[in-house]
Amino acid sequence: MAKVTSESREDFKAEADHYKKRIDESLEKEKNMLGVMKNSGAGVEYQKLILAEEMIYIATLYIAINGSSLKTLQIKNNDALNDARKSLYKAIIYLEEVVTNSINIAYSELADQLDAISNTPIQKRYQLMQKLGLAIQMVIDGFGDNSKWKWSFVELTGRYAVVAKNLLDMKSAVKDYFDPNSPNYDSTVLYVRLVRKLIDESATAYRDRYELSTRRIDDINAGINFLLASRRIAVALGSSDEAEEIKKKAITWKKLMESDQKSGKSN
């Protein structure tokens, strides 16, 4: 590793201070918005979508600080990456407050929450989920494969998958997904593909965390719940054969869980 000079430290500090100023401005914006929301219940859900996007923006600024550290000092800035991770959790929490954090919630039970943000077009929701996913991946990549946060990222990406799913109005999506003439066709197809990918990845990630790290029942159970969510989407899209295959996989995982419980392998 190259020697860190006083000049490189000053260069890094100048860049970092620039980013920190923008972070402070965004945090002040968040504080003001929360104050307004506290005094007025109107449009709270839309404001939380804005706040989620603001938290993603803050995370990218922390990621930029790490990038600057790597460029000028040749060292990773774990503090900045950790602050980015925390900011992304805040973004997800704001989204959970809009559409819940339940992977198993029925589409009909989300009707009121989705109605509250009905003026937010699917294109905007998809773009928001793209931004969130990209920021999460940048933080994961920043920490690296041997990070102490490796298994905790399963929860972060899992919660991201849940809000991505719940922000999608499946009733409208199913119609637009099969209608190439719909103005929402392209965005809907891309969004549905993203949600299915995230849910499938989360199912596998929770099973891996169970088998390779925790042996906790709630992990394998979470994996099963993600599989069941994947099956519901397949059913909604009319993919009966795929839905049956996913159901078989969920049954296999459940048998594994029950077997491990009996043998004392799980916690």
C-alpha atoms as a PDB file:
ATOM      1  CA  MET A   1       0.000   0.000   0.000  1.00  0.00           C
ATOM      2  CA  ALA A   2       1.282   3.430  -0.958  1.00  0.00           C
ATOM      3  CA  LYS A   3       2.323   5.802   1.812  1.00  0.00           C
ATOM      4  CA  VAL A   4      -0.382   8.287   2.784  1.00  0.00           C
ATOM      5  CA  THR A   5       0.993  11.794   2.465  1.00  0.00           C
ATOM      6  CA  SER A   6      -0.188  14.991   4.099  1.00  0.00           C
ATOM      7  CA  GLU A   7      -1.170  16.260   0.666  1.00  0.00           C
ATOM      8  CA  SER A   8      -3.345  13.217  -0.069  1.00  0.00           C
ATOM      9  CA  ARG A   9      -4.983  13.554   3.335  1.00  0.00           C
ATOM     10  CA  GLU A  10      -5.825  17.168   2.577  1.00  0.00           C
ATOM     11  CA  ASP A  11      -7.177  16.234  -0.828  1.00  0.00           C
ATOM     12  CA  PHE A  12      -9.392  13.573   0.717  1.00  0.00           C
ATOM     13  CA  LYS A  13     -10.611  15.912   3.452  1.00  0.00           C
ATOM     14  CA  ALA A  14     -11.565  18.558   0.883  1.00  0.00           C
ATOM     15  CA  GLU A  15     -13.573  16.051  -1.161  1.00  0.00           C
ATOM     16  CA  ALA A  16     -15.141  14.440   1.895  1.00  0.00           C
ATOM     17  CA  ASP A  17     -16.162  17.824   3.339  1.00  0.00           C
ATOM     18  CA  HIS A  18     -17.872  18.645   0.035  1.00  0.00           C
ATOM     19  CA  TYR A  19     -19.936  15.459   0.245  1.00  0.00           C
ATOM     20  CA  LYS A  20     -20.618  15.898   3.969  1.00  0.00           C
ATOM     21  CA  LYS A  21     -22.029  19.363   3.327  1.00  0.00           C
ATOM     22  CA  ARG A  22     -24.526  17.878   0.887  1.00  0.00           C
ATOM     23  CA  ILE A  23     -25.331  15.121   3.367  1.00  0.00           C
ATOM     24  CA  ASP A  24     -26.043  17.686   6.077  1.00  0.00           C
ATOM     25  CA  GLU A  25     -28.311  19.586   3.674  1.00  0.00           C
ATOM     26  CA  SER A  26     -30.267  16.423   2.924  1.00  0.00           C
ATOM     27  CA  LEU A  27     -30.568  15.526   6.605  1.00  0.00           C
ATOM     28  CA  GLU A  28     -31.907  19.021   7.277  1.00  0.00           C
ATOM     29  CA  LYS A  29     -34.420  18.500   4.471  1.00  0.00           C
ATOM     30  CA  GLU A  30     -35.480  15.234   6.095  1.00  0.00           C
ATOM     31  CA  LYS A  31     -35.881  16.945   9.458  1.00  0.00           C
ATOM     32  CA  ASN A  32     -38.060  19.690   7.955  1.00  0.00           C
ATOM     33  CA  MET A  33     -40.223  17.204   6.063  1.00  0.00           C
ATOM     34  CA  LEU A  34     -40.766  15.114   9.192  1.00  0.00           C
ATOM     35  CA  GLY A  35     -41.851  18.272  11.004  1.00  0.00           C
ATOM     36  CA  VAL A  36     -44.373  19.070   8.283  1.00  0.00           C
ATOM     37  CA  MET A  37     -45.645  15.483   8.266  1.00  0.00           C
ATOM     38  CA  LYS A  38     -46.141  15.558  12.015  1.00  0.00           C
ATOM     39  CA  ASN A  39     -48.432  18.563  11.733  1.00  0.00           C
ATOM     40  CA  SER A  40     -50.317  17.429   8.643  1.00  0.00           C
ATOM     41  CA  GLY A  41     -51.549  13.951   7.786  1.00  0.00           C
ATOM     42  CA  ALA A  42     -52.246  14.797   4.159  1.00  0.00           C
ATOM     43  CA  GLY A  43     -50.008  13.169   1.590  1.00  0.00           C
ATOM     44  CA  VAL A  44     -47.764  11.504   4.174  1.00  0.00           C
ATOM     45  CA  GLU A  45     -47.271   8.429   1.998  1.00  0.00           C
ATOM     46  CA  TYR A  46     -45.990  10.487  -0.922  1.00  0.00           C
ATOM     47  CA  GLN A  47     -43.648  12.363   1.382  1.00  0.00           C
ATOM     48  CA  LYS A  48     -42.251   9.086   2.683  1.00  0.00           C
ATOM     49  CA  LEU A  49     -41.494   8.031  -0.880  1.00  0.00           C
ATOM     50  CA  ILE A  50     -39.593  11.296  -1.278  1.00  0.00           C
ATOM     51  CA  LEU A  51     -37.763  10.696   2.000  1.00  0.00           C
ATOM     52  CA  ALA A  52     -36.811   7.193   0.910  1.00  0.00           C
ATOM     53  CA  GLU A  53     -35.284   8.628  -2.254  1.00  0.00           C
ATOM     54  CA  GLU A  54     -33.465  11.251  -0.189  1.00  0.00           C
ATOM     55  CA  MET A  55     -31.972   8.531   2.018  1.00  0.00           C
ATOM     56  CA  ILE A  56     -30.775   6.685  -1.077  1.00  0.00           C
ATOM     57  CA  TYR A  57     -29.163   9.917  -2.262  1.00  0.00           C
ATOM     58  CA  ILE A  58     -27.418  10.311   1.105  1.00  0.00           C
ATOM     59  CA  ALA A  59     -26.163   6.726   0.832  1.00  0.00           C
ATOM     60  CA  THR A  60     -24.627   7.509  -2.571  1.00  0.00           C
ATOM     61  CA  LEU A  61     -22.801  10.471  -1.035  1.00  0.00           C
ATOM     62  CA  TYR A  62     -21.317   8.230   1.652  1.00  0.00           C
ATOM     63  CA  ILE A  63     -20.372   5.758  -1.086  1.00  0.00           C
ATOM     64  CA  ALA A  64     -18.666   8.642  -2.905  1.00  0.00           C
ATOM     65  CA  ILE A  65     -16.665   9.420   0.243  1.00  0.00           C
ATOM     66  CA  ASN A  66     -15.456   5.832   0.266  1.00  0.00           C
ATOM     67  CA  GLY A  67     -14.591   6.140  -3.406  1.00  0.00           C
ATOM     68  CA  SER A  68     -12.600   9.265  -2.697  1.00  0.00           C
ATOM     69  CA  SER A  69     -10.754   7.485   0.116  1.00  0.00           C
ATOM     70  CA  LEU A  70      -9.869   4.614  -2.186  1.00  0.00           C
ATOM     71  CA  LYS A  71      -8.667   7.022  -4.869  1.00  0.00           C
ATOM     72  CA  THR A  72      -6.598   9.394  -2.750  1.00  0.00           C
ATOM     73  CA  LEU A  73      -5.588   7.280   0.256  1.00  0.00           C
ATOM     74  CA  GLN A  74      -5.789   3.768  -1.217  1.00  0.00           C
ATOM     75  CA  ILE A  75      -7.787   2.637   1.810  1.00  0.00           C
ATOM     76  CA  LYS A  76     -11.407   1.683   2.322  1.00  0.00           C
ATOM     77  CA  ASN A  77     -13.489   4.037   4.458  1.00  0.00           C
ATOM     78  CA  ASN A  78     -15.541   1.659   6.557  1.00  0.00           C
ATOM     79  CA  ASP A  79     -17.216   4.475   8.489  1.00  0.00           C
ATOM     80  CA  ALA A  80     -18.624   5.970   5.288  1.00  0.00           C
ATOM     81  CA  LEU A  81     -19.772   2.572   4.049  1.00  0.00           C
ATOM     82  CA  ASN A  82     -21.441   1.840   7.368  1.00  0.00           C
ATOM     83  CA  ASP A  83     -23.226   5.210   7.286  1.00  0.00           C
ATOM     84  CA  ALA A  84     -24.373   4.383   3.745  1.00  0.00           C
ATOM     85  CA  ARG A  85     -25.699   1.039   4.998  1.00  0.00           C
ATOM     86  CA  LYS A  86     -27.627   2.782   7.782  1.00  0.00           C
ATOM     87  CA  SER A  87     -29.050   5.314   5.340  1.00  0.00           C
ATOM     88  CA  LEU A  88     -30.329   2.523   3.099  1.00  0.00           C
ATOM     89  CA  TYR A  89     -32.032   0.911   6.086  1.00  0.00           C
ATOM     90  CA  LYS A  90     -33.755   4.253   6.723  1.00  0.00           C
ATOM     91  CA  ALA A  91     -34.897   4.338   3.098  1.00  0.00           C
ATOM     92  CA  ILE A  92     -36.379   0.867   3.427  1.00  0.00           C
ATOM     93  CA  ILE A  93     -38.082   1.734   6.718  1.00  0.00           C
ATOM     94  CA  TYR A  94     -39.800   4.721   5.082  1.00  0.00           C
ATOM     95  CA  LEU A  95     -41.019   2.419   2.307  1.00  0.00           C
ATOM     96  CA  GLU A  96     -42.153  -0.211   4.811  1.00  0.00           C
ATOM     97  CA  GLU A  97     -44.226   2.465   6.526  1.00  0.00           C
ATOM     98  CA  VAL A  98     -46.011   3.009   3.204  1.00  0.00           C
ATOM     99  CA  VAL A  99     -46.611  -0.591   2.065  1.00  0.00           C
ATOM    100  CA  THR A 100     -45.739  -2.737   5.138  1.00  0.00           C
ATOM    101  CA  ASN A 101     -42.823  -5.110   5.677  1.00  0.00           C
ATOM    102  CA  SER A 102     -44.837  -8.303   5.206  1.00  0.00           C
ATOM    103  CA  ILE A 103     -43.767 -10.746   2.512  1.00  0.00           C
ATOM    104  CA  ASN A 104     -46.967 -12.745   3.005  1.00  0.00           C
ATOM    105  CA  ILE A 105     -49.529  -9.973   2.814  1.00  0.00           C
ATOM    106  CA  ALA A 106     -52.306 -10.659   0.298  1.00  0.00           C
ATOM    107  CA  TYR A 107     -52.624  -8.295  -2.639  1.00  0.00           C
ATOM    108  CA  SER A 108     -56.158  -7.434  -1.514  1.00  0.00           C
ATOM    109  CA  GLU A 109     -54.849  -6.392   1.907  1.00  0.00           C
ATOM    110  CA  LEU A 110     -52.509  -3.872   0.265  1.00  0.00           C
ATOM    111  CA  ALA A 111     -55.358  -2.097  -1.521  1.00  0.00           C
ATOM    112  CA  ASP A 112     -55.584   0.839   0.908  1.00  0.00           C
ATOM    113  CA  GLN A 113     -51.816   1.372   1.013  1.00  0.00           C
ATOM    114  CA  LEU A 114     -51.533   1.274  -2.770  1.00  0.00           C
ATOM    115  CA  ASP A 115     -54.507   3.570  -3.159  1.00  0.00           C
ATOM    116  CA  ALA A 116     -52.706   6.126  -0.969  1.00  0.00           C
ATOM    117  CA  ILE A 117     -49.887   6.341  -3.548  1.00  0.00           C
ATOM    118  CA  SER A 118     -51.980   5.746  -6.666  1.00  0.00           C
ATOM    119  CA  ASN A 119     -50.701   8.934  -8.293  1.00  0.00           C
ATOM    120  CA  THR A 120     -47.143   7.608  -8.280  1.00  0.00           C
ATOM    121  CA  PRO A 121     -46.782   5.937 -11.709  1.00  0.00           C
ATOM    122  CA  ILE A 122     -45.241   2.520 -12.036  1.00  0.00           C
ATOM    123  CA  GLN A 123     -42.331   4.035 -13.970  1.00  0.00           C
ATOM    124  CA  LYS A 124     -41.446   6.149 -10.930  1.00  0.00           C
ATOM    125  CA  ARG A 125     -41.761   3.199  -8.548  1.00  0.00           C
ATOM    126  CA  TYR A 126     -39.562   1.062 -10.775  1.00  0.00           C
ATOM    127  CA  GLN A 127     -36.909   3.779 -10.994  1.00  0.00           C
ATOM    128  CA  LEU A 128     -36.952   4.159  -7.206  1.00  0.00           C
ATOM    129  CA  MET A 129     -36.419   0.413  -6.781  1.00  0.00           C
ATOM    130  CA  GLN A 130     -33.595   0.481  -9.329  1.00  0.00           C
ATOM    131  CA  LYS A 131     -31.865   3.266  -7.399  1.00  0.00           C
ATOM    132  CA  LEU A 132     -32.283   1.440  -4.111  1.00  0.00           C
ATOM    133  CA  GLY A 133     -30.991  -1.826  -5.526  1.00  0.00           C
ATOM    134  CA  LEU A 134     -27.978  -0.186  -7.126  1.00  0.00           C
ATOM    135  CA  ALA A 135     -27.061   1.632  -3.906  1.00  0.00           C
ATOM    136  CA  ILE A 136     -27.385  -1.587  -1.884  1.00  0.00           C
ATOM    137  CA  GLN A 137     -25.140  -3.446  -4.315  1.00  0.00           C
ATOM    138  CA  MET A 138     -22.557  -0.646  -4.232  1.00  0.00           C
ATOM    139  CA  VAL A 139     -22.409  -0.869  -0.431  1.00  0.00           C
ATOM    140  CA  ILE A 140     -22.098  -4.653  -0.526  1.00  0.00           C
ATOM    141  CA  ASP A 141     -19.335  -4.400  -3.122  1.00  0.00           C
ATOM    142  CA  GLY A 142     -17.654  -1.664  -1.100  1.00  0.00           C
ATOM    143  CA  PHE A 143     -17.411  -3.824   2.003  1.00  0.00           C
ATOM    144  CA  GLY A 144     -16.184  -6.813   0.013  1.00  0.00           C
ATOM    145  CA  ASP A 145     -16.719 -10.568   0.278  1.00  0.00           C
ATOM    146  CA  ASN A 146     -15.100 -10.992   3.678  1.00  0.00           C
ATOM    147  CA  SER A 147     -17.059  -8.273   5.432  1.00  0.00           C
ATOM    148  CA  LYS A 148     -18.490  -8.865   8.896  1.00  0.00           C
ATOM    149  CA  TRP A 149     -21.788  -7.651   7.422  1.00  0.00           C
ATOM    150  CA  LYS A 150     -21.925 -10.482   4.853  1.00  0.00           C
ATOM    151  CA  TRP A 151     -24.815 -12.360   6.419  1.00  0.00           C
ATOM    152  CA  SER A 152     -26.615  -9.238   7.665  1.00  0.00           C
ATOM    153  CA  PHE A 153     -26.937  -8.127   4.046  1.00  0.00           C
ATOM    154  CA  VAL A 154     -29.355 -11.032   3.592  1.00  0.00           C
ATOM    155  CA  GLU A 155     -31.818  -9.096   5.732  1.00  0.00           C
ATOM    156  CA  LEU A 156     -31.155  -5.804   3.930  1.00  0.00           C
ATOM    157  CA  THR A 157     -31.702  -7.294   0.482  1.00  0.00           C
ATOM    158  CA  GLY A 158     -34.659  -9.303   1.761  1.00  0.00           C
ATOM    159  CA  ARG A 159     -36.397  -6.217   3.093  1.00  0.00           C
ATOM    160  CA  TYR A 160     -35.648  -4.480  -0.189  1.00  0.00           C
ATOM    161  CA  ALA A 161     -37.315  -7.372  -2.046  1.00  0.00           C
ATOM    162  CA  VAL A 162     -40.401  -7.090   0.165  1.00  0.00           C
ATOM    163  CA  VAL A 163     -40.961  -3.369  -0.378  1.00  0.00           C
ATOM    164  CA  ALA A 164     -40.281  -3.766  -4.095  1.00  0.00           C
ATOM    165  CA  LYS A 165     -42.991  -6.421  -4.232  1.00  0.00           C
ATOM    166  CA  ASN A 166     -45.460  -4.496  -2.110  1.00  0.00           C
ATOM    167  CA  LEU A 167     -45.039  -1.248  -4.060  1.00  0.00           C
ATOM    168  CA  LEU A 168     -46.196  -3.086  -7.170  1.00  0.00           C
ATOM    169  CA  ASP A 169     -49.961  -2.984  -7.709  1.00  0.00           C
ATOM    170  CA  MET A 170     -50.304  -6.570  -8.899  1.00  0.00           C
ATOM    171  CA  LYS A 171     -53.914  -6.142  -9.994  1.00  0.00           C
ATOM    172  CA  SER A 172     -52.928  -3.461 -12.497  1.00  0.00           C
ATOM    173  CA  ALA A 173     -49.601  -5.114 -13.250  1.00  0.00           C
ATOM    174  CA  VAL A 174     -51.175  -8.370 -14.408  1.00  0.00           C
ATOM    175  CA  LYS A 175     -53.292  -6.471 -16.947  1.00  0.00           C
ATOM    176  CA  ASP A 176     -50.429  -4.347 -18.250  1.00  0.00           C
ATOM    177  CA  TYR A 177     -47.969  -7.276 -18.255  1.00  0.00           C
ATOM    178  CA  PHE A 178     -49.981  -9.015 -20.974  1.00  0.00           C
ATOM    179  CA  ASP A 179     -50.941  -5.931 -22.962  1.00  0.00           C
ATOM    180  CA  PRO A 180     -48.159  -4.681 -25.284  1.00  0.00           C
ATOM    181  CA  ASN A 181     -50.384  -1.737 -26.207  1.00  0.00           C
ATOM    182  CA  SER A 182     -50.488  -0.460 -22.637  1.00  0.00           C
ATOM    183  CA  PRO A 183     -48.382   2.666 -22.018  1.00  0.00           C
ATOM    184  CA  ASN A 184     -47.182   0.914 -18.843  1.00  0.00           C
ATOM    185  CA  TYR A 185     -46.230  -2.327 -20.585  1.00  0.00           C
ATOM    186  CA  ASP A 186     -42.446  -1.912 -20.666  1.00  0.00           C
ATOM    187  CA  SER A 187     -42.144  -0.610 -17.109  1.00  0.00           C
ATOM    188  CA  THR A 188     -44.489  -3.310 -15.805  1.00  0.00           C
ATOM    189  CA  VAL A 189     -42.600  -6.157 -17.470  1.00  0.00           C
ATOM    190  CA  LEU A 190     -39.271  -4.842 -16.174  1.00  0.00           C
ATOM    191  CA  TYR A 191     -40.652  -4.268 -12.680  1.00  0.00           C
ATOM    192  CA  VAL A 192     -42.248  -7.717 -12.451  1.00  0.00           C
ATOM    193  CA  ARG A 193     -38.988  -9.314 -13.621  1.00  0.00           C
ATOM    194  CA  LEU A 194     -37.073  -7.353 -11.003  1.00  0.00           C
ATOM    195  CA  VAL A 195     -39.436  -8.358  -8.200  1.00  0.00           C
ATOM    196  CA  ARG A 196     -39.328 -12.019  -9.172  1.00  0.00           C
ATOM    197  CA  LYS A 197     -35.533 -11.935  -9.308  1.00  0.00           C
ATOM    198  CA  LEU A 198     -35.257 -10.245  -5.904  1.00  0.00           C
ATOM    199  CA  ILE A 199     -37.684 -12.632  -4.240  1.00  0.00           C
ATOM    200  CA  ASP A 200     -35.988 -15.717  -5.667  1.00  0.00           C
ATOM    201  CA  GLU A 201     -32.555 -14.425  -4.646  1.00  0.00           C
ATOM    202  CA  SER A 202     -33.788 -13.682  -1.129  1.00  0.00           C
ATOM    203  CA  ALA A 203     -35.268 -17.164  -0.778  1.00  0.00           C
ATOM    204  CA  THR A 204     -31.906 -18.686  -1.683  1.00  0.00           C
ATOM    205  CA  ALA A 205     -29.960 -16.225   0.483  1.00  0.00           C
ATOM    206  CA  TYR A 206     -32.004 -17.008   3.604  1.00  0.00           C
ATOM    207  CA  ARG A 207     -31.604 -20.736   3.019  1.00  0.00           C
ATOM    208  CA  ASP A 208     -27.849 -20.268   2.555  1.00  0.00           C
ATOM    209  CA  ARG A 209     -27.630 -18.222   5.754  1.00  0.00           C
ATOM    210  CA  TYR A 210     -29.497 -20.977   7.573  1.00  0.00           C
ATOM    211  CA  GLU A 211     -27.284 -23.778   6.261  1.00  0.00           C
ATOM    212  CA  LEU A 212     -23.925 -22.000   6.293  1.00  0.00           C
ATOM    213  CA  SER A 213     -24.179 -19.673   9.272  1.00  0.00           C
ATOM    214  CA  THR A 214     -27.046 -19.454  11.731  1.00  0.00           C
ATOM    215  CA  ARG A 215     -29.031 -22.729  11.709  1.00  0.00           C
ATOM    216  CA  ARG A 216     -31.883 -20.539  12.933  1.00  0.00           C
ATOM    217  CA  ILE A 217     -35.408 -21.679  12.164  1.00  0.00           C
ATOM    218  CA  ASP A 218     -36.530 -18.148  11.360  1.00  0.00           C
ATOM    219  CA  ASP A 219     -33.990 -18.009   8.514  1.00  0.00           C
ATOM    220  CA  ILE A 220     -35.120 -21.170   6.731  1.00  0.00           C
ATOM    221  CA  ASN A 221     -38.707 -20.168   7.450  1.00  0.00           C
ATOM    222  CA  ALA A 222     -38.066 -16.780   5.827  1.00  0.00           C
ATOM    223  CA  GLY A 223     -36.679 -18.592   2.797  1.00  0.00           C
ATOM    224  CA  ILE A 224     -39.867 -20.646   2.591  1.00  0.00           C
ATOM    225  CA  ASN A 225     -42.007 -17.519   2.859  1.00  0.00           C
ATOM    226  CA  PHE A 226     -40.109 -15.933  -0.022  1.00  0.00           C
ATOM    227  CA  LEU A 227     -40.726 -19.075  -2.074  1.00  0.00           C
ATOM    228  CA  LEU A 228     -44.437 -18.840  -1.318  1.00  0.00           C
ATOM    229  CA  ALA A 229     -44.432 -15.189  -2.387  1.00  0.00           C
ATOM    230  CA  SER A 230     -42.734 -16.240  -5.622  1.00  0.00           C
ATOM    231  CA  ARG A 231     -45.428 -18.872  -6.121  1.00  0.00           C
ATOM    232  CA  ARG A 232     -48.221 -16.316  -5.651  1.00  0.00           C
ATOM    233  CA  ILE A 233     -46.714 -14.154  -8.385  1.00  0.00           C
ATOM    234  CA  ALA A 234     -46.461 -17.164 -10.694  1.00  0.00           C
ATOM    235  CA  VAL A 235     -50.123 -17.939 -10.010  1.00  0.00           C
ATOM    236  CA  ALA A 236     -51.123 -14.321 -10.672  1.00  0.00           C
ATOM    237  CA  LEU A 237     -49.290 -14.458 -14.005  1.00  0.00           C
ATOM    238  CA  GLY A 238     -50.964 -17.733 -14.955  1.00  0.00           C
ATOM    239  CA  SER A 239     -47.765 -19.782 -14.788  1.00  0.00           C
ATOM    240  CA  SER A 240     -49.340 -22.861 -13.208  1.00  0.00           C
ATOM    241  CA  ASP A 241     -46.489 -25.281 -13.976  1.00  0.00           C
ATOM    242  CA  GLU A 242     -43.920 -22.916 -12.483  1.00  0.00           C
ATOM    243  CA  ALA A 243     -46.149 -22.337  -9.453  1.00  0.00           C
ATOM    244  CA  GLU A 244     -46.296 -26.092  -8.881  1.00  0.00           C
ATOM    245  CA  GLU A 245     -42.509 -26.422  -9.069  1.00  0.00           C
ATOM    246  CA  ILE A 246     -42.061 -23.614  -6.542  1.00  0.00           C
ATOM    247  CA  LYS A 247     -44.594 -25.284  -4.253  1.00  0.00           C
ATOM    248  CA  LYS A 248     -42.615 -28.546  -4.401  1.00  0.00           C
ATOM    249  CA  LYS A 249     -39.429 -26.688  -3.511  1.00  0.00           C
ATOM    250  CA  ALA A 250     -41.135 -25.013  -0.549  1.00  0.00           C
ATOM    251  CA  ILE A 251     -42.353 -28.405   0.679  1.00  0.00           C
ATOM    252  CA  THR A 252     -38.812 -29.808   0.402  1.00  0.00           C
ATOM    253  CA  TRP A 253     -37.400 -26.905   2.396  1.00  0.00           C
ATOM    254  CA  LYS A 254     -40.089 -27.306   5.040  1.00  0.00           C
ATOM    255  CA  LYS A 255     -39.268 -31.001   5.395  1.00  0.00           C
ATOM    256  CA  LEU A 256     -35.598 -30.078   5.815  1.00  0.00           C
ATOM    257  CA  MET A 257     -36.520 -27.608   8.551  1.00  0.00           C
ATOM    258  CA  GLU A 258     -38.685 -30.146  10.364  1.00  0.00           C
ATOM    259  CA  SER A 259     -35.980 -32.821  10.055  1.00  0.00           C
ATOM    260  CA  ASP A 260     -33.338 -30.463  11.460  1.00  0.00           C
ATOM    261  CA  GLN A 261     -35.627 -29.558  14.341  1.00  0.00           C
ATOM    262  CA  LYS A 262     -36.094 -33.207  15.244  1.00  0.00           C
ATOM    263  CA  SER A 263     -32.384 -33.959  15.033  1.00  0.00           C
ATOM    264  CA  GLY A 264     -31.430 -30.841  17.002  1.00  0.00           C
ATOM    265  CA  LYS A 265     -29.421 -29.308  14.137  1.00  0.00           C
ATOM    266  CA  SER A 266     -31.416 -26.071  14.166  1.00  0.00           C
ATOM    267  CA  ASN A 267     -31.733 -23.307  16.711  1.00  0.00           C
END
